[in-house]
């Protein structure tokens, strides 16, 4: 599967957070997130391992009891089942891989 950059196809996930699935395979899914400053990704858990990269902006993650301030070029990996959330400190773009595939993110 290949993907050509396109500005269409973003779906609201939460207030101030939009998601677009870029590509997916049998075992992984790649998504891009646009996150608006001043919004929050509430703490939550899920059965997916989540590996990400901050393209632009600034985020403050809480993963378990650990706090991580992410700047462009920083990356993370959140194990499945671990509570996590984020404060969006500046308009941001993040790219994340989920394994196994998140069926709720399939187009």
N, C-alpha and C. Protein backbone atom coordinates (compact mmCIF):
# COMPACT_ATOMS: atom_id res chain seq x y z
N UNK A 1 0.85 -1.17 0.00
CA UNK A 1 0.00 0.00 0.00
C UNK A 1 0.89 1.23 0.00
N UNK A 2 0.55 2.21 -0.83
CA UNK A 2 1.27 3.47 -0.89
C UNK A 2 0.29 4.61 -0.61
N UNK A 3 0.83 5.72 -0.17
CA UNK A 3 0.01 6.89 0.12
C UNK A 3 0.69 8.12 -0.45
N UNK A 4 -0.05 8.93 -1.22
CA UNK A 4 0.43 10.21 -1.71
C UNK A 4 -0.16 11.30 -0.84
N UNK A 5 0.67 12.23 -0.40
CA UNK A 5 0.21 13.31 0.48
C UNK A 5 -1.03 13.98 -0.09
N UNK A 6 -1.99 14.22 0.80
CA UNK A 6 -3.28 14.78 0.42
C UNK A 6 -3.84 15.50 1.65
N UNK A 7 -4.41 16.67 1.46
CA UNK A 7 -4.92 17.44 2.60
C UNK A 7 -6.33 17.04 3.00
N UNK A 8 -6.94 16.11 2.29
CA UNK A 8 -8.29 15.64 2.62
C UNK A 8 -8.22 14.41 3.52
N UNK A 9 -9.36 14.06 4.09
CA UNK A 9 -9.48 12.80 4.80
C UNK A 9 -9.26 12.86 6.30
N UNK A 10 -9.05 14.05 6.87
CA UNK A 10 -8.90 14.15 8.33
C UNK A 10 -10.26 14.02 8.99
N UNK A 11 -10.29 13.27 10.08
CA UNK A 11 -11.54 13.04 10.81
C UNK A 11 -11.38 13.54 12.24
N UNK A 12 -12.41 14.21 12.77
CA UNK A 12 -12.30 14.65 14.16
C UNK A 12 -12.26 13.45 15.09
N UNK A 13 -11.33 13.48 16.01
CA UNK A 13 -11.21 12.41 17.00
C UNK A 13 -11.76 12.91 18.33
N UNK A 14 -11.29 14.08 18.76
CA UNK A 14 -11.76 14.78 19.96
C UNK A 14 -11.71 16.26 19.63
N UNK A 15 -12.24 17.09 20.50
CA UNK A 15 -12.19 18.53 20.29
C UNK A 15 -10.73 18.96 20.14
N UNK A 16 -10.39 19.58 19.02
CA UNK A 16 -9.03 20.06 18.79
C UNK A 16 -8.07 19.01 18.27
N UNK A 17 -8.55 17.79 18.01
CA UNK A 17 -7.67 16.71 17.54
C UNK A 17 -8.30 16.05 16.32
N UNK A 18 -7.54 16.03 15.23
CA UNK A 18 -7.98 15.36 14.00
C UNK A 18 -7.00 14.25 13.65
N UNK A 19 -7.54 13.18 13.05
CA UNK A 19 -6.74 12.00 12.70
C UNK A 19 -6.96 11.66 11.24
N UNK A 20 -5.89 11.19 10.63
CA UNK A 20 -5.98 10.66 9.27
C UNK A 20 -5.15 9.39 9.21
N UNK A 21 -5.77 8.29 8.79
CA UNK A 21 -5.02 7.06 8.57
C UNK A 21 -4.30 7.20 7.24
N UNK A 22 -2.99 6.98 7.25
CA UNK A 22 -2.18 7.12 6.04
C UNK A 22 -2.08 5.79 5.30
N UNK A 23 -1.52 4.78 5.95
CA UNK A 23 -1.41 3.44 5.37
C UNK A 23 -1.55 2.41 6.48
N UNK A 24 -1.85 1.19 6.08
CA UNK A 24 -1.94 0.10 7.05
C UNK A 24 -1.65 -1.21 6.34
N UNK A 25 -1.24 -2.16 7.13
CA UNK A 25 -0.96 -3.50 6.61
C UNK A 25 -1.65 -4.52 7.48
N UNK A 26 -1.11 -5.70 7.47
CA UNK A 26 -1.69 -6.79 8.26
C UNK A 26 -1.45 -6.61 9.75
N UNK A 27 -0.30 -5.98 10.12
CA UNK A 27 0.08 -5.91 11.53
C UNK A 27 0.24 -4.50 12.09
N UNK A 28 0.34 -3.49 11.24
CA UNK A 28 0.55 -2.12 11.72
C UNK A 28 -0.34 -1.13 10.97
N UNK A 29 -0.53 0.04 11.60
CA UNK A 29 -1.30 1.13 10.99
C UNK A 29 -0.56 2.42 11.28
N UNK A 30 -0.43 3.29 10.27
CA UNK A 30 0.24 4.58 10.39
C UNK A 30 -0.79 5.69 10.28
N UNK A 31 -0.81 6.59 11.27
CA UNK A 31 -1.78 7.68 11.28
C UNK A 31 -1.08 9.00 11.55
N UNK A 32 -1.66 10.08 11.02
CA UNK A 32 -1.18 11.43 11.27
C UNK A 32 -2.23 12.16 12.09
N UNK A 33 -1.78 12.93 13.07
CA UNK A 33 -2.67 13.68 13.95
C UNK A 33 -2.35 15.17 13.86
N UNK A 34 -3.39 15.98 13.72
CA UNK A 34 -3.27 17.43 13.84
C UNK A 34 -3.90 17.79 15.19
N UNK A 35 -3.11 18.46 16.02
CA UNK A 35 -3.51 18.73 17.40
C UNK A 35 -3.47 20.24 17.64
N UNK A 36 -4.56 20.81 18.13
CA UNK A 36 -4.67 22.25 18.33
C UNK A 36 -4.24 22.64 19.74
N UNK A 37 -3.44 23.70 19.81
CA UNK A 37 -2.96 24.23 21.09
C UNK A 37 -4.11 24.45 22.06
N UNK A 38 -3.84 24.13 23.32
CA UNK A 38 -4.81 24.36 24.37
C UNK A 38 -5.79 23.22 24.61
N UNK A 39 -5.72 22.19 23.78
CA UNK A 39 -6.61 21.04 23.95
C UNK A 39 -5.87 19.92 24.66
N UNK A 40 -6.61 18.89 25.04
CA UNK A 40 -6.05 17.77 25.79
C UNK A 40 -6.45 16.45 25.15
N UNK A 41 -5.55 15.50 25.22
CA UNK A 41 -5.87 14.11 24.94
C UNK A 41 -6.01 13.46 26.31
N UNK A 42 -7.24 13.18 26.75
CA UNK A 42 -7.44 12.64 28.10
C UNK A 42 -6.70 11.31 28.30
N UNK A 43 -6.31 11.04 29.55
CA UNK A 43 -5.66 9.76 29.86
C UNK A 43 -6.58 8.62 29.47
N UNK A 44 -5.99 7.62 28.87
CA UNK A 44 -6.75 6.45 28.41
C UNK A 44 -5.80 5.28 28.25
N UNK A 45 -6.35 4.11 28.05
CA UNK A 45 -5.56 2.91 27.73
C UNK A 45 -6.19 2.23 26.54
N UNK A 46 -5.40 1.42 25.86
CA UNK A 46 -5.89 0.59 24.75
C UNK A 46 -4.93 -0.58 24.56
N UNK A 47 -5.35 -1.58 23.81
CA UNK A 47 -4.52 -2.78 23.65
C UNK A 47 -3.44 -2.66 22.58
N UNK A 48 -3.21 -1.45 22.07
CA UNK A 48 -2.26 -1.26 20.97
C UNK A 48 -0.94 -0.69 21.48
N UNK A 49 0.18 -1.21 20.97
CA UNK A 49 1.46 -0.53 21.17
C UNK A 49 1.44 0.68 20.25
N UNK A 50 1.93 1.81 20.74
CA UNK A 50 1.82 3.08 20.01
C UNK A 50 3.19 3.72 19.95
N UNK A 51 3.74 3.86 18.75
CA UNK A 51 5.05 4.45 18.55
C UNK A 51 4.86 5.72 17.73
N UNK A 52 5.41 6.84 18.21
CA UNK A 52 5.15 8.10 17.54
C UNK A 52 6.36 8.97 17.35
N UNK A 53 6.16 10.02 16.53
CA UNK A 53 7.19 10.98 16.18
C UNK A 53 6.52 12.34 16.07
N UNK A 54 7.08 13.35 16.74
CA UNK A 54 6.51 14.70 16.66
C UNK A 54 7.15 15.44 15.50
N UNK A 55 6.34 15.76 14.50
CA UNK A 55 6.80 16.46 13.31
C UNK A 55 6.93 17.95 13.59
N UNK A 56 5.93 18.52 14.27
CA UNK A 56 5.90 19.96 14.55
C UNK A 56 5.12 20.19 15.83
N UNK A 57 5.45 21.28 16.55
CA UNK A 57 4.69 21.67 17.71
C UNK A 57 5.35 21.30 19.02
N UNK A 58 4.51 21.15 20.04
CA UNK A 58 5.00 20.83 21.39
C UNK A 58 3.90 20.14 22.17
N UNK A 59 4.22 18.98 22.76
CA UNK A 59 3.27 18.19 23.53
C UNK A 59 3.88 17.85 24.89
N UNK A 60 3.03 17.69 25.89
CA UNK A 60 3.46 17.18 27.19
C UNK A 60 2.69 15.89 27.44
N UNK A 61 3.41 14.78 27.37
CA UNK A 61 2.81 13.47 27.58
C UNK A 61 2.88 13.08 29.05
N UNK A 62 1.87 12.38 29.50
CA UNK A 62 1.93 11.65 30.75
C UNK A 62 1.69 10.19 30.39
N UNK A 63 2.69 9.36 30.67
CA UNK A 63 2.62 7.94 30.35
C UNK A 63 2.89 7.20 31.66
N UNK A 64 1.87 6.51 32.15
CA UNK A 64 1.99 5.95 33.49
C UNK A 64 2.17 7.11 34.46
N UNK A 65 3.26 7.13 35.19
CA UNK A 65 3.56 8.24 36.11
C UNK A 65 4.63 9.17 35.55
N UNK A 66 5.13 8.88 34.35
CA UNK A 66 6.22 9.66 33.75
C UNK A 66 5.67 10.79 32.89
N UNK A 67 6.31 11.97 32.98
CA UNK A 67 5.94 13.13 32.17
C UNK A 67 7.07 13.39 31.19
N UNK A 68 6.71 13.64 29.92
CA UNK A 68 7.69 13.82 28.85
C UNK A 68 7.26 15.01 28.00
N UNK A 69 8.11 16.05 27.92
CA UNK A 69 7.85 17.19 27.04
C UNK A 69 8.47 16.89 25.69
N UNK A 70 7.63 16.80 24.66
CA UNK A 70 8.09 16.44 23.32
C UNK A 70 8.19 17.69 22.44
N UNK A 71 9.31 17.79 21.74
CA UNK A 71 9.57 18.84 20.76
C UNK A 71 9.77 18.18 19.39
N UNK A 72 9.70 18.96 18.30
CA UNK A 72 9.88 18.36 16.98
C UNK A 72 11.15 17.51 16.89
N UNK A 73 10.99 16.32 16.36
CA UNK A 73 12.09 15.37 16.24
C UNK A 73 12.11 14.34 17.35
N UNK A 74 11.35 14.57 18.43
CA UNK A 74 11.29 13.61 19.53
C UNK A 74 10.33 12.47 19.16
N UNK A 75 10.54 11.32 19.80
CA UNK A 75 9.69 10.16 19.51
C UNK A 75 9.39 9.42 20.81
N UNK A 76 8.45 8.48 20.75
CA UNK A 76 8.01 7.75 21.93
C UNK A 76 7.47 6.39 21.52
N UNK A 77 7.41 5.51 22.50
CA UNK A 77 6.76 4.21 22.34
C UNK A 77 6.00 3.94 23.63
N UNK A 78 4.70 3.73 23.50
CA UNK A 78 3.84 3.50 24.66
C UNK A 78 3.35 2.06 24.58
N UNK A 79 3.65 1.29 25.60
CA UNK A 79 3.26 -0.12 25.62
C UNK A 79 1.74 -0.26 25.71
N UNK A 80 1.24 -1.34 25.20
CA UNK A 80 -0.20 -1.60 25.28
C UNK A 80 -0.63 -1.67 26.74
N UNK A 81 -1.82 -1.16 27.01
CA UNK A 81 -2.39 -1.23 28.35
C UNK A 81 -1.88 -0.20 29.34
N UNK A 82 -0.97 0.69 28.93
CA UNK A 82 -0.44 1.71 29.84
C UNK A 82 -1.25 3.00 29.69
N UNK A 83 -1.71 3.56 30.81
CA UNK A 83 -2.48 4.80 30.77
C UNK A 83 -1.60 5.95 30.27
N UNK A 84 -2.15 6.74 29.36
CA UNK A 84 -1.40 7.87 28.79
C UNK A 84 -2.36 8.95 28.33
N UNK A 85 -1.85 10.16 28.24
CA UNK A 85 -2.60 11.31 27.76
C UNK A 85 -1.61 12.40 27.40
N UNK A 86 -2.12 13.54 26.89
CA UNK A 86 -1.21 14.62 26.49
C UNK A 86 -1.89 15.97 26.57
N UNK A 87 -1.09 16.97 26.93
CA UNK A 87 -1.48 18.37 26.82
C UNK A 87 -0.89 18.88 25.52
N UNK A 88 -1.66 19.62 24.75
CA UNK A 88 -1.17 20.16 23.49
C UNK A 88 -0.73 21.59 23.76
N UNK A 89 0.58 21.81 23.84
CA UNK A 89 1.15 23.09 24.25
C UNK A 89 1.32 24.05 23.09
N UNK A 90 1.31 23.55 21.86
CA UNK A 90 1.38 24.36 20.65
C UNK A 90 0.71 23.55 19.54
N UNK A 91 0.20 24.23 18.52
CA UNK A 91 -0.35 23.49 17.38
C UNK A 91 0.70 22.46 16.94
N UNK A 92 0.28 21.21 16.76
CA UNK A 92 1.24 20.13 16.56
C UNK A 92 0.79 19.16 15.48
N UNK A 93 1.78 18.47 14.91
CA UNK A 93 1.54 17.37 13.99
C UNK A 93 2.37 16.19 14.50
N UNK A 94 1.69 15.06 14.71
CA UNK A 94 2.37 13.84 15.15
C UNK A 94 2.01 12.71 14.20
N UNK A 95 2.95 11.81 14.00
CA UNK A 95 2.74 10.61 13.20
C UNK A 95 2.94 9.42 14.13
N UNK A 96 1.98 8.48 14.11
CA UNK A 96 2.07 7.34 15.02
C UNK A 96 1.74 6.03 14.31
N UNK A 97 2.43 4.99 14.78
CA UNK A 97 2.20 3.62 14.32
C UNK A 97 1.51 2.86 15.45
N UNK A 98 0.48 2.11 15.11
CA UNK A 98 -0.24 1.28 16.07
C UNK A 98 -0.10 -0.17 15.66
N UNK A 99 0.18 -1.03 16.65
CA UNK A 99 0.26 -2.46 16.40
C UNK A 99 -0.42 -3.17 17.57
N UNK A 100 -1.31 -4.12 17.29
CA UNK A 100 -1.80 -4.49 15.96
C UNK A 100 -2.63 -3.35 15.36
N UNK A 101 -3.12 -3.57 14.16
CA UNK A 101 -3.91 -2.58 13.44
C UNK A 101 -5.14 -2.18 14.28
N UNK A 102 -5.36 -0.87 14.37
CA UNK A 102 -6.57 -0.35 15.04
C UNK A 102 -7.70 -0.41 14.03
N UNK A 103 -8.60 -1.33 14.20
CA UNK A 103 -9.71 -1.45 13.25
C UNK A 103 -10.60 -0.22 13.27
N UNK A 104 -10.68 0.47 14.42
CA UNK A 104 -11.49 1.69 14.49
C UNK A 104 -10.87 2.84 13.71
N UNK A 105 -9.62 2.72 13.27
CA UNK A 105 -8.96 3.74 12.47
C UNK A 105 -8.92 3.38 10.98
N UNK A 106 -9.42 2.23 10.60
CA UNK A 106 -9.41 1.86 9.18
C UNK A 106 -10.37 2.75 8.40
N UNK A 107 -9.99 3.11 7.18
CA UNK A 107 -10.87 3.97 6.36
C UNK A 107 -12.15 3.24 5.97
